[in-house]
C-alpha atoms as a PDB file:
ATOM      1  CA  MET A   1      41.785  83.954  74.609  1.00  0.00           C
ATOM      2  CA  ASN A   2      45.349  84.588  75.722  1.00  0.00           C
ATOM      3  CA  SER A   3      46.586  81.837  78.050  1.00  0.00           C
ATOM      4  CA  SER A   4      48.091  84.303  80.538  1.00  0.00           C
ATOM      5  CA  LEU A   5      44.794  86.226  80.644  1.00  0.00           C
ATOM      6  CA  THR A   6      42.929  82.972  81.180  1.00  0.00           C
ATOM      7  CA  LYS A   7      45.153  82.125  84.142  1.00  0.00           C
ATOM      8  CA  LYS A   8      44.346  85.493  85.697  1.00  0.00           C
ATOM      9  CA  ILE A   9      40.596  85.336  85.094  1.00  0.00           C
ATOM     10  CA  ALA A  10      40.039  81.663  85.988  1.00  0.00           C
ATOM     11  CA  PRO A  11      40.562  82.063  89.768  1.00  0.00           C
ATOM     12  CA  PHE A  12      38.082  84.950  89.926  1.00  0.00           C
ATOM     13  CA  LEU A  13      35.522  82.933  87.995  1.00  0.00           C
ATOM     14  CA  SER A  14      36.007  79.962  90.320  1.00  0.00           C
ATOM     15  CA  PHE A  15      35.511  82.081  93.435  1.00  0.00           C
ATOM     16  CA  THR A  16      32.495  83.810  91.872  1.00  0.00           C
ATOM     17  CA  VAL A  17      30.861  80.459  91.191  1.00  0.00           C
ATOM     18  CA  LEU A  18      31.670  79.339  94.739  1.00  0.00           C
ATOM     19  CA  VAL A  19      30.074  82.457  96.248  1.00  0.00           C
ATOM     20  CA  LEU A  20      26.979  82.079  94.053  1.00  0.00           C
ATOM     21  CA  LEU A  21      26.599  78.434  95.102  1.00  0.00           C
ATOM     22  CA  TRP A  22      27.043  79.471  98.726  1.00  0.00           C
ATOM     23  CA  GLU A  23      24.329  82.146  98.400  1.00  0.00           C
ATOM     24  CA  ALA A  24      21.989  79.761  96.584  1.00  0.00           C
ATOM     25  CA  THR A  25      22.447  77.080  99.250  1.00  0.00           C
ATOM     26  CA  VAL A  26      21.601  79.500 102.070  1.00  0.00           C
ATOM     27  CA  ARG A  27      18.512  80.836 100.261  1.00  0.00           C
ATOM     28  CA  LEU A  28      17.122  77.543  98.961  1.00  0.00           C
ATOM     29  CA  ALA A  29      17.714  75.658 102.203  1.00  0.00           C
ATOM     30  CA  LYS A  30      16.547  78.696 104.228  1.00  0.00           C
ATOM     31  CA  LEU A  31      19.445  78.264 106.604  1.00  0.00           C
ATOM     32  CA  ASP A  32      19.642  80.395 109.710  1.00  0.00           C
ATOM     33  CA  ALA A  33      22.645  82.710 110.169  1.00  0.00           C
ATOM     34  CA  HIS A  34      23.617  80.639 113.228  1.00  0.00           C
ATOM     35  CA  VAL A  35      23.994  77.619 110.917  1.00  0.00           C
ATOM     36  CA  LEU A  36      25.496  79.168 107.780  1.00  0.00           C
ATOM     37  CA  PRO A  37      25.584  82.931 107.193  1.00  0.00           C
ATOM     38  CA  SER A  38      25.112  84.216 103.662  1.00  0.00           C
ATOM     39  CA  PRO A  39      27.934  85.844 101.699  1.00  0.00           C
ATOM     40  CA  SER A  40      26.283  89.251 102.131  1.00  0.00           C
ATOM     41  CA  GLN A  41      26.179  88.820 105.930  1.00  0.00           C
ATOM     42  CA  VAL A  42      29.822  87.801 105.951  1.00  0.00           C
ATOM     43  CA  PHE A  43      30.719  90.781 103.752  1.00  0.00           C
ATOM     44  CA  PHE A  44      29.019  93.327 106.019  1.00  0.00           C
ATOM     45  CA  SER A  45      30.472  91.753 109.159  1.00  0.00           C
ATOM     46  CA  MET A  46      33.909  91.979 107.550  1.00  0.00           C
ATOM     47  CA  ILE A  47      33.314  95.709 107.065  1.00  0.00           C
ATOM     48  CA  GLU A  48      32.446  95.940 110.777  1.00  0.00           C
ATOM     49  CA  LEU A  49      35.710  94.236 111.736  1.00  0.00           C
ATOM     50  CA  ILE A  50      37.683  96.500 109.400  1.00  0.00           C
ATOM     51  CA  ARG A  51      36.037  99.685 110.675  1.00  0.00           C
ATOM     52  CA  SER A  52      36.605  98.732 114.302  1.00  0.00           C
ATOM     53  CA  GLY A  53      40.222  97.756 113.550  1.00  0.00           C
ATOM     54  CA  ALA A  54      39.752  94.423 115.337  1.00  0.00           C
ATOM     55  CA  ILE A  55      40.675  92.340 112.292  1.00  0.00           C
ATOM     56  CA  PHE A  56      43.997  94.153 111.896  1.00  0.00           C
ATOM     57  CA  LYS A  57      44.858  93.588 115.555  1.00  0.00           C
ATOM     58  CA  HIS A  58      44.262  89.859 115.168  1.00  0.00           C
ATOM     59  CA  ILE A  59      46.153  89.662 111.851  1.00  0.00           C
ATOM     60  CA  ILE A  60      49.195  91.424 113.302  1.00  0.00           C
ATOM     61  CA  ALA A  61      49.197  89.147 116.360  1.00  0.00           C
ATOM     62  CA  SER A  62      49.046  85.990 114.219  1.00  0.00           C
ATOM     63  CA  LEU A  63      51.707  87.184 111.774  1.00  0.00           C
ATOM     64  CA  PHE A  64      54.031  88.103 114.647  1.00  0.00           C
ATOM     65  CA  ARG A  65      53.813  84.612 116.125  1.00  0.00           C
ATOM     66  CA  VAL A  66      54.254  82.887 112.777  1.00  0.00           C
ATOM     67  CA  THR A  67      57.228  85.091 111.874  1.00  0.00           C
ATOM     68  CA  ALA A  68      58.954  84.533 115.218  1.00  0.00           C
ATOM     69  CA  GLY A  69      58.481  80.758 115.234  1.00  0.00           C
ATOM     70  CA  PHE A  70      59.269  80.322 111.553  1.00  0.00           C
ATOM     71  CA  LEU A  71      62.451  82.411 111.627  1.00  0.00           C
ATOM     72  CA  LEU A  72      63.666  80.555 114.711  1.00  0.00           C
ATOM     73  CA  ALA A  73      62.989  77.213 113.020  1.00  0.00           C
ATOM     74  CA  THR A  74      64.802  78.360 109.879  1.00  0.00           C
ATOM     75  CA  ALA A  75      67.793  79.695 111.813  1.00  0.00           C
ATOM     76  CA  LEU A  76      68.216  76.360 113.605  1.00  0.00           C
ATOM     77  CA  GLY A  77      66.837  73.869 111.089  1.00  0.00           C
ATOM     78  CA  ILE A  78      68.994  74.751 108.073  1.00  0.00           C
ATOM     79  CA  PRO A  79      72.366  74.678 109.919  1.00  0.00           C
ATOM     80  CA  LEU A  80      71.393  71.448 111.668  1.00  0.00           C
ATOM     81  CA  GLY A  81      70.364  69.905 108.346  1.00  0.00           C
ATOM     82  CA  ILE A  82      73.707  70.854 106.802  1.00  0.00           C
ATOM     83  CA  ILE A  83      75.554  69.312 109.749  1.00  0.00           C
ATOM     84  CA  LEU A  84      73.512  66.099 109.551  1.00  0.00           C
ATOM     85  CA  GLY A  85      74.044  65.917 105.808  1.00  0.00           C
ATOM     86  CA  ARG A  86      77.810  66.365 106.043  1.00  0.00           C
ATOM     87  CA  SER A  87      78.644  64.530 109.280  1.00  0.00           C
ATOM     88  CA  ARG A  88      78.002  60.806 109.474  1.00  0.00           C
ATOM     89  CA  ILE A  89      78.476  60.766 113.256  1.00  0.00           C
ATOM     90  CA  ALA A  90      75.974  63.591 113.787  1.00  0.00           C
ATOM     91  CA  TYR A  91      73.529  61.829 111.474  1.00  0.00           C
ATOM     92  CA  ILE A  92      73.812  58.533 113.355  1.00  0.00           C
ATOM     93  CA  LEU A  93      73.345  60.241 116.737  1.00  0.00           C
ATOM     94  CA  LEU A  94      70.622  62.792 115.960  1.00  0.00           C
ATOM     95  CA  HIS A  95      68.619  61.489 113.017  1.00  0.00           C
ATOM     96  CA  PRO A  96      66.811  58.766 115.048  1.00  0.00           C
ATOM     97  CA  ILE A  97      65.718  61.407 117.583  1.00  0.00           C
ATOM     98  CA  ILE A  98      64.435  63.686 114.817  1.00  0.00           C
ATOM     99  CA  ASN A  99      62.593  60.777 113.197  1.00  0.00           C
ATOM    100  CA  PHE A 100      60.980  59.981 116.543  1.00  0.00           C
ATOM    101  CA  LEU A 101      59.838  63.543 117.270  1.00  0.00           C
ATOM    102  CA  ARG A 102      58.881  64.555 113.716  1.00  0.00           C
ATOM    103  CA  PRO A 103      55.613  62.542 113.435  1.00  0.00           C
ATOM    104  CA  ILE A 104      54.269  63.947 116.716  1.00  0.00           C
ATOM    105  CA  SER A 105      51.672  66.593 115.971  1.00  0.00           C
ATOM    106  CA  PRO A 106      52.638  70.066 117.232  1.00  0.00           C
ATOM    107  CA  LEU A 107      49.159  70.252 118.774  1.00  0.00           C
ATOM    108  CA  ALA A 108      50.065  67.321 121.033  1.00  0.00           C
ATOM    109  CA  TRP A 109      52.625  69.634 122.639  1.00  0.00           C
ATOM    110  CA  ILE A 110      49.976  72.188 123.696  1.00  0.00           C
ATOM    111  CA  PRO A 111      49.662  70.955 127.330  1.00  0.00           C
ATOM    112  CA  LEU A 112      53.440  70.969 127.791  1.00  0.00           C
ATOM    113  CA  ALA A 113      53.818  74.310 126.008  1.00  0.00           C
ATOM    114  CA  MET A 114      51.269  75.926 128.312  1.00  0.00           C
ATOM    115  CA  LEU A 115      52.910  74.334 131.343  1.00  0.00           C
ATOM    116  CA  TRP A 116      56.408  75.473 130.346  1.00  0.00           C
ATOM    117  CA  PHE A 117      55.635  78.902 128.915  1.00  0.00           C
ATOM    118  CA  GLY A 118      52.300  79.849 130.470  1.00  0.00           C
ATOM    119  CA  ILE A 119      49.707  81.905 128.619  1.00  0.00           C
ATOM    120  CA  GLY A 120      50.665  84.330 125.856  1.00  0.00           C
ATOM    121  CA  ASP A 121      52.844  84.447 122.766  1.00  0.00           C
ATOM    122  CA  LYS A 122      55.577  82.069 123.934  1.00  0.00           C
ATOM    123  CA  PRO A 123      53.619  78.772 123.783  1.00  0.00           C
ATOM    124  CA  ALA A 124      52.197  79.688 120.368  1.00  0.00           C
ATOM    125  CA  VAL A 125      55.663  80.575 119.035  1.00  0.00           C
ATOM    126  CA  PHE A 126      57.010  77.304 120.442  1.00  0.00           C
ATOM    127  CA  LEU A 127      54.318  75.274 118.652  1.00  0.00           C
ATOM    128  CA  ILE A 128      54.977  77.094 115.376  1.00  0.00           C
ATOM    129  CA  PHE A 129      58.688  76.459 115.816  1.00  0.00           C
ATOM    130  CA  LEU A 130      58.057  72.715 116.235  1.00  0.00           C
ATOM    131  CA  ALA A 131      55.762  72.627 113.211  1.00  0.00           C
ATOM    132  CA  SER A 132      58.372  74.311 110.995  1.00  0.00           C
ATOM    133  CA  PHE A 133      61.643  72.999 112.395  1.00  0.00           C
ATOM    134  CA  PHE A 134      61.429  69.316 111.509  1.00  0.00           C
ATOM    135  CA  PRO A 135      60.386  69.695 107.832  1.00  0.00           C
ATOM    136  CA  ILE A 136      63.135  72.277 107.294  1.00  0.00           C
ATOM    137  CA  ALA A 137      65.828  70.210 109.033  1.00  0.00           C
ATOM    138  CA  VAL A 138      64.889  66.970 107.248  1.00  0.00           C
ATOM    139  CA  ALA A 139      64.617  68.624 103.812  1.00  0.00           C
ATOM    140  CA  THR A 140      68.000  70.299 104.269  1.00  0.00           C
ATOM    141  CA  THR A 141      69.595  67.011 105.345  1.00  0.00           C
ATOM    142  CA  VAL A 142      68.230  65.186 102.309  1.00  0.00           C
ATOM    143  CA  ALA A 143      69.308  68.021 100.000  1.00  0.00           C
ATOM    144  CA  VAL A 144      72.879  67.957 101.317  1.00  0.00           C
ATOM    145  CA  GLN A 145      73.100  64.166 101.082  1.00  0.00           C
ATOM    146  CA  SER A 146      71.850  64.339  97.484  1.00  0.00           C
ATOM    147  CA  ILE A 147      74.792  66.468  96.321  1.00  0.00           C
ATOM    148  CA  ASN A 148      77.026  64.587  93.891  1.00  0.00           C
ATOM    149  CA  PRO A 149      80.093  63.371  95.872  1.00  0.00           C
ATOM    150  CA  THR A 150      82.292  64.237  92.888  1.00  0.00           C
ATOM    151  CA  PHE A 151      81.934  67.913  93.761  1.00  0.00           C
ATOM    152  CA  PHE A 152      83.426  67.292  97.194  1.00  0.00           C
ATOM    153  CA  HIS A 153      86.279  65.255  95.696  1.00  0.00           C
ATOM    154  CA  VAL A 154      87.096  68.112  93.334  1.00  0.00           C
ATOM    155  CA  ALA A 155      86.934  70.566  96.244  1.00  0.00           C
ATOM    156  CA  ALA A 156      89.367  68.384  98.189  1.00  0.00           C
ATOM    157  CA  ASN A 157      91.739  68.299  95.241  1.00  0.00           C
ATOM    158  CA  PHE A 158      91.714  72.103  95.116  1.00  0.00           C
ATOM    159  CA  ASP A 159      92.208  72.213  98.885  1.00  0.00           C
ATOM    160  CA  PHE A 160      88.966  74.109  99.587  1.00  0.00           C
ATOM    161  CA  SER A 161      88.385  75.102 103.183  1.00  0.00           C
ATOM    162  CA  ARG A 162      85.172  74.062 104.918  1.00  0.00           C
ATOM    163  CA  LEU A 163      83.823  77.566 104.462  1.00  0.00           C
ATOM    164  CA  GLU A 164      84.584  77.480 100.726  1.00  0.00           C
ATOM    165  CA  VAL A 165      82.890  74.085 100.393  1.00  0.00           C
ATOM    166  CA  LEU A 166      79.855  75.503 102.157  1.00  0.00           C
ATOM    167  CA  GLN A 167      79.724  78.669 100.054  1.00  0.00           C
ATOM    168  CA  LYS A 168      80.576  77.239  96.636  1.00  0.00           C
ATOM    169  CA  ILE A 169      79.080  73.751  96.733  1.00  0.00           C
ATOM    170  CA  VAL A 170      76.620  73.092  99.537  1.00  0.00           C
ATOM    171  CA  ILE A 171      74.536  76.266  99.647  1.00  0.00           C
ATOM    172  CA  PRO A 172      74.073  76.700  95.856  1.00  0.00           C
ATOM    173  CA  ALA A 173      73.063  73.038  95.570  1.00  0.00           C
ATOM    174  CA  ILE A 174      70.493  73.048  98.365  1.00  0.00           C
ATOM    175  CA  ILE A 175      68.762  76.386  97.671  1.00  0.00           C
ATOM    176  CA  PRO A 176      65.932  74.999  95.445  1.00  0.00           C
ATOM    177  CA  PRO A 177      64.874  72.094  97.718  1.00  0.00           C
ATOM    178  CA  VAL A 178      65.259  74.189 100.872  1.00  0.00           C
ATOM    179  CA  ILE A 179      63.124  76.978  99.407  1.00  0.00           C
ATOM    180  CA  THR A 180      60.459  74.378  98.626  1.00  0.00           C
ATOM    181  CA  ALA A 181      60.664  73.122 102.214  1.00  0.00           C
ATOM    182  CA  LEU A 182      60.345  76.683 103.512  1.00  0.00           C
ATOM    183  CA  ARG A 183      57.218  77.213 101.412  1.00  0.00           C
ATOM    184  CA  LEU A 184      55.647  74.047 102.818  1.00  0.00           C
ATOM    185  CA  SER A 185      56.749  74.866 106.358  1.00  0.00           C
ATOM    186  CA  VAL A 186      55.331  78.380 106.379  1.00  0.00           C
ATOM    187  CA  GLY A 187      52.000  76.919 105.274  1.00  0.00           C
ATOM    188  CA  ILE A 188      52.108  74.414 108.124  1.00  0.00           C
ATOM    189  CA  ALA A 189      53.083  77.186 110.545  1.00  0.00           C
ATOM    190  CA  TRP A 190      50.119  79.281 109.426  1.00  0.00           C
ATOM    191  CA  ILE A 191      47.782  76.339 110.076  1.00  0.00           C
ATOM    192  CA  VAL A 192      49.270  75.615 113.495  1.00  0.00           C
ATOM    193  CA  VAL A 193      49.121  79.227 114.712  1.00  0.00           C
ATOM    194  CA  VAL A 194      45.338  79.223 114.317  1.00  0.00           C
ATOM    195  CA  ALA A 195      45.013  76.092 116.458  1.00  0.00           C
ATOM    196  CA  ALA A 196      47.521  77.407 119.015  1.00  0.00           C
ATOM    197  CA  GLU A 197      45.630  80.689 119.340  1.00  0.00           C
ATOM    198  CA  MET A 198      42.491  78.788 120.254  1.00  0.00           C
ATOM    199  CA  MET A 199      44.256  77.450 123.331  1.00  0.00           C
ATOM    200  CA  ALA A 200      46.820  79.782 124.801  1.00  0.00           C
ATOM    201  CA  VAL A 201      46.288  83.420 123.781  1.00  0.00           C
ATOM    202  CA  GLN A 202      43.715  86.206 123.808  1.00  0.00           C
ATOM    203  CA  SER A 203      44.370  87.585 120.320  1.00  0.00           C
ATOM    204  CA  GLY A 204      44.987  86.415 116.778  1.00  0.00           C
ATOM    205  CA  LEU A 205      42.785  84.962 114.066  1.00  0.00           C
ATOM    206  CA  GLY A 206      42.446  81.636 115.887  1.00  0.00           C
ATOM    207  CA  PHE A 207      41.190  83.435 118.985  1.00  0.00           C
ATOM    208  CA  LEU A 208      38.809  85.496 116.816  1.00  0.00           C
ATOM    209  CA  ILE A 209      37.264  82.327 115.389  1.00  0.00           C
ATOM    210  CA  LEU A 210      36.946  80.668 118.813  1.00  0.00           C
ATOM    211  CA  ASP A 211      35.502  83.774 120.443  1.00  0.00           C
ATOM    212  CA  ALA A 212      33.066  84.280 117.567  1.00  0.00           C
ATOM    213  CA  ARG A 213      31.939  80.660 117.793  1.00  0.00           C
ATOM    214  CA  ASN A 214      31.282  81.031 121.511  1.00  0.00           C
ATOM    215  CA  GLY A 215      29.259  84.160 120.756  1.00  0.00           C
ATOM    216  CA  LEU A 216      27.354  82.393 117.951  1.00  0.00           C
ATOM    217  CA  ARG A 217      28.712  84.890 115.417  1.00  0.00           C
ATOM    218  CA  LEU A 218      29.354  82.499 112.566  1.00  0.00           C
ATOM    219  CA  ASP A 219      29.700  85.458 110.206  1.00  0.00           C
ATOM    220  CA  TYR A 220      32.823  86.465 112.151  1.00  0.00           C
ATOM    221  CA  VAL A 221      33.983  82.847 112.041  1.00  0.00           C
ATOM    222  CA  MET A 222      33.693  82.896 108.262  1.00  0.00           C
ATOM    223  CA  ASP A 223      35.476  86.256 108.135  1.00  0.00           C
ATOM    224  CA  GLY A 224      38.365  84.799 110.096  1.00  0.00           C
ATOM    225  CA  MET A 225      38.528  81.784 107.783  1.00  0.00           C
ATOM    226  CA  ILE A 226      38.534  83.993 104.688  1.00  0.00           C
ATOM    227  CA  VAL A 227      41.351  86.165 106.042  1.00  0.00           C
ATOM    228  CA  ILE A 228      43.361  83.064 106.965  1.00  0.00           C
ATOM    229  CA  GLY A 229      43.004  81.720 103.420  1.00  0.00           C
ATOM    230  CA  MET A 230      43.960  85.027 101.819  1.00  0.00           C
ATOM    231  CA  ILE A 231      47.035  85.496 104.002  1.00  0.00           C
ATOM    232  CA  GLY A 232      48.038  81.880 103.370  1.00  0.00           C
ATOM    233  CA  ILE A 233      48.033  82.546  99.611  1.00  0.00           C
ATOM    234  CA  LEU A 234      50.054  85.742 100.084  1.00  0.00           C
ATOM    235  CA  LEU A 235      52.624  83.966 102.262  1.00  0.00           C
ATOM    236  CA  ASP A 236      53.049  81.220  99.689  1.00  0.00           C
ATOM    237  CA  ARG A 237      53.538  83.742  96.885  1.00  0.00           C
ATOM    238  CA  LEU A 238      55.975  85.713  99.017  1.00  0.00           C
ATOM    239  CA  MET A 239      58.061  82.625  99.738  1.00  0.00           C
ATOM    240  CA  ARG A 240      58.012  81.667  96.053  1.00  0.00           C
ATOM    241  CA  GLN A 241      59.157  85.158  95.055  1.00  0.00           C
ATOM    242  CA  LEU A 242      61.878  85.217  97.699  1.00  0.00           C
ATOM    243  CA  GLY A 243      63.097  81.851  96.478  1.00  0.00           C
ATOM    244  CA  THR A 244      63.351  83.130  92.901  1.00  0.00           C
ATOM    245  CA  ILE A 245      65.195  86.272  93.974  1.00  0.00           C
ATOM    246  CA  GLU A 246      67.570  84.379  96.278  1.00  0.00           C
ATOM    247  CA  SER A 247      68.414  81.765  93.642  1.00  0.00           C
ATOM    248  CA  ALA A 248      69.102  84.451  91.053  1.00  0.00           C
ATOM    249  CA  SER A 249      71.158  86.637  93.389  1.00  0.00           C
ATOM    250  CA  TRP A 250      73.217  83.679  94.651  1.00  0.00           C
ATOM    251  CA  GLY A 251      73.898  82.630  91.076  1.00  0.00           C
ATOM    252  CA  ILE A 252      75.114  86.130  90.208  1.00  0.00           C
ATOM    253  CA  ARG A 253      77.379  86.256  93.262  1.00  0.00           C
ATOM    254  CA  HIS A 254      78.734  82.808  92.442  1.00  0.00           C
ATOM    255  CA  GLU A 255      79.533  83.826  88.832  1.00  0.00           C
ATOM    256  CA  GLU A 256      81.279  86.995  90.039  1.00  0.00           C
ATOM    257  CA  GLU A 257      83.443  84.991  92.421  1.00  0.00           C
ATOM    258  CA  ASP A 258      84.403  82.599  89.627  1.00  0.00           C
END
């Protein structure tokens, strides 16, 4: 069998086996729907959520919060990482603070986030920002510091401006590791938004799961989990594709300038 075809079929086979084992477990153990709903129950409840439009409302709410927090973290984290990587003084002053705050779980900030921002989108966006910001900033700093110093010596010999150093040396060198950090960060952000929505909002997939649990609708809980997993895969593939496109386009622009 063709290897590419095998790669495409294998995931479907794995999920099919998982669903069959799930169905067999429910039937053989005679589990109640309040303990573990069967795949068929979850499927029909998913149809209910789709027909009512409720699932789309929750998906849109979650994606909005993740997008807002992630973009804010990217817009601040990458420039800060470049500054820390290039400036020894900034690194000495700020890196200890980042190292102190980075290990603190974003969920530990929930009480403060609710106190500062109240109930709604703002505390959730703030938590997602925290979850994404530190990995992006640290990865960018490490990527900049890993650039061969010879490149900067050559740039100095050719009297490059700071902007030229940034455009022709720093950014091309850090694109691969930063893209990897963005992929990891968006995954973390997607995990955190679910937890944040269980605390501070009245919509989103996290709220759907919490509300369904309170109503003993474990089929809805499973539906929410399935949608979260599917969107997580799509986000990862999107970030991977964007990274490939950005690397290729930057390389083309760089060759044209040369």
